[in-house]
Amino acid sequence: MRIRNILDGDLIITPSLPKKRYLVISTTVKRGYYDTLRKCTQKDITDYLGIKQGSVAEYLQNAESTIINS
């Protein structure tokens, strides 16, 4: 785990993720996958990153689980 400094000195603990999981989860966040009106799909992420959709789904599931359970 690492501690990140967020706006105005608020601290949160974020879990460490393996490189691929971090890449996929950060890409989905940046491209709007988790927005209320979803701006992209897993297929869009697979096309953007050039990896298989099954891999994207697996990386997302594992990353989400790690984050939620931390």
Protein backbone atom coordinates (compact mmCIF):
# COMPACT_ATOMS: atom_id res chain seq x y z
CA MET A 1 0.00 0.00 0.00
CA ARG A 2 1.07 3.54 -0.49
CA ILE A 3 -0.27 6.81 0.82
CA ARG A 4 -1.16 9.53 -1.65
CA ASN A 5 -1.64 13.17 -0.89
CA ILE A 6 -4.94 14.34 -2.31
CA LEU A 7 -6.32 17.90 -2.45
CA ASP A 8 -5.66 20.10 0.56
CA GLY A 9 -3.54 17.54 2.39
CA ASP A 10 -6.21 14.83 2.69
CA LEU A 11 -4.48 11.46 2.75
CA ILE A 12 -5.84 8.22 1.38
CA ILE A 13 -4.27 4.80 1.19
CA THR A 14 -4.18 3.27 -2.27
CA PRO A 15 -3.34 -0.35 -2.95
CA SER A 16 -0.38 -1.24 -5.14
CA LEU A 17 -1.43 -2.93 -8.35
CA PRO A 18 0.67 -4.89 -10.83
CA LYS A 19 1.62 -2.85 -13.93
CA LYS A 20 -0.97 -4.30 -16.33
CA ARG A 21 -3.85 -3.98 -13.85
CA TYR A 22 -2.83 -0.40 -13.07
CA LEU A 23 -2.61 0.41 -16.78
CA VAL A 24 -6.06 -1.01 -17.49
CA ILE A 25 -7.80 0.53 -14.47
CA SER A 26 -6.20 3.95 -14.96
CA THR A 27 -7.09 3.89 -18.67
CA THR A 28 -10.71 2.99 -17.94
CA VAL A 29 -10.96 5.84 -15.43
CA LYS A 30 -9.35 8.37 -17.79
CA ARG A 31 -11.52 7.32 -20.73
CA GLY A 32 -14.79 7.53 -18.76
CA TYR A 33 -15.64 3.87 -18.20
CA TYR A 34 -16.76 4.58 -14.63
CA ASP A 35 -18.66 7.80 -15.40
CA THR A 36 -22.39 7.75 -14.66
CA LEU A 37 -23.06 7.95 -18.38
CA ARG A 38 -20.33 5.53 -19.48
CA LYS A 39 -18.17 7.11 -22.18
CA CYS A 40 -16.49 3.90 -23.30
CA THR A 41 -16.87 0.14 -23.19
CA GLN A 42 -14.46 -2.68 -22.44
CA LYS A 43 -14.22 -3.15 -26.21
CA ASP A 44 -13.09 0.47 -26.57
CA ILE A 45 -10.42 -0.15 -23.93
CA THR A 46 -9.23 -3.32 -25.70
CA ASP A 47 -8.95 -1.44 -28.98
CA TYR A 48 -7.12 1.44 -27.30
CA LEU A 49 -4.63 -0.77 -25.42
CA GLY A 50 -4.38 -3.52 -28.04
CA ILE A 51 -5.08 -6.40 -25.66
CA LYS A 52 -7.80 -9.05 -25.60
CA GLN A 53 -11.20 -8.21 -24.12
CA GLY A 54 -10.99 -11.22 -21.79
CA SER A 55 -7.73 -9.84 -20.41
CA VAL A 56 -9.27 -6.40 -19.88
CA ALA A 57 -12.22 -7.95 -18.05
CA GLU A 58 -9.88 -10.03 -15.87
CA TYR A 59 -7.56 -7.11 -15.08
CA LEU A 60 -10.54 -4.90 -14.20
CA GLN A 61 -12.13 -7.53 -11.99
CA ASN A 62 -8.88 -8.17 -10.13
CA ALA A 63 -8.04 -4.48 -9.78
CA GLU A 64 -11.55 -3.61 -8.58
CA SER A 65 -11.41 -6.45 -6.05
CA THR A 66 -8.01 -5.32 -4.78
CA ILE A 67 -9.19 -1.72 -4.41
CA ILE A 68 -12.51 -2.58 -2.75
CA ASN A 69 -10.96 -5.09 -0.34
CA SER A 70 -8.07 -2.84 0.68
